[in-house]
Protein backbone atom coordinates (compact mmCIF):
# COMPACT_ATOMS: atom_id res chain seq x y z
CA MET A 1 0.00 0.00 0.00
CA VAL A 2 2.77 2.43 0.90
CA SER A 3 4.58 1.77 -2.38
CA LEU A 4 1.33 2.28 -4.32
CA ILE A 5 0.77 5.65 -2.60
CA LYS A 6 4.36 6.68 -3.40
CA VAL A 7 3.89 5.75 -7.07
CA ILE A 8 0.63 7.73 -7.25
CA LYS A 9 2.31 10.76 -5.62
CA GLU A 10 5.21 10.58 -8.11
CA LEU A 11 2.77 10.33 -11.02
CA LEU A 12 0.83 13.35 -9.74
CA ILE A 13 4.03 15.38 -9.34
CA CYS A 14 5.15 14.43 -12.87
CA THR A 15 1.80 15.37 -14.39
CA MET A 16 1.76 18.68 -12.52
CA LYS A 17 5.29 19.48 -13.74
CA ASN A 18 4.25 18.64 -17.32
CA ILE A 19 1.14 20.84 -17.07
CA ILE A 20 3.17 23.75 -15.66
CA ALA A 21 5.81 23.32 -18.38
CA GLN A 22 3.12 23.31 -21.09
CA MET A 23 1.53 26.45 -19.62
CA ILE A 24 4.91 28.23 -19.59
CA LEU A 25 5.59 27.16 -23.20
CA ARG A 26 2.16 28.41 -24.30
CA LYS A 27 2.71 31.72 -22.51
CA ASN A 28 6.09 32.11 -24.24
CA LEU A 29 4.54 31.29 -27.63
CA ILE A 30 1.72 33.79 -27.07
CA LEU A 31 4.21 36.48 -26.00
CA LYS A 32 6.33 35.78 -29.12
CA LEU A 33 3.24 36.05 -31.33
CA ILE A 34 2.25 39.35 -29.68
CA ARG A 35 5.78 40.71 -30.17
CA LEU A 36 5.77 39.59 -33.81
CA GLU A 37 2.37 41.24 -34.38
CA SER A 38 3.45 44.47 -32.68
CA GLY A 39 6.69 44.39 -34.71
CA LEU A 40 4.74 43.97 -37.94
CA ILE A 41 2.43 46.84 -36.99
CA LYS A 42 5.46 49.05 -36.24
CA VAL A 43 7.02 48.14 -39.61
CA ASN A 44 3.77 48.94 -41.42
């Protein structure tokens, strides 16, 4: 039982880390897109 709980905890931690990493990547992509759009507007 203890080992099962440990495995579940590790899985939860891994999934949380993955979700956070994906959120950060999406934020960075959105920021890059906004910068590109603002850059294009400035050029035009």
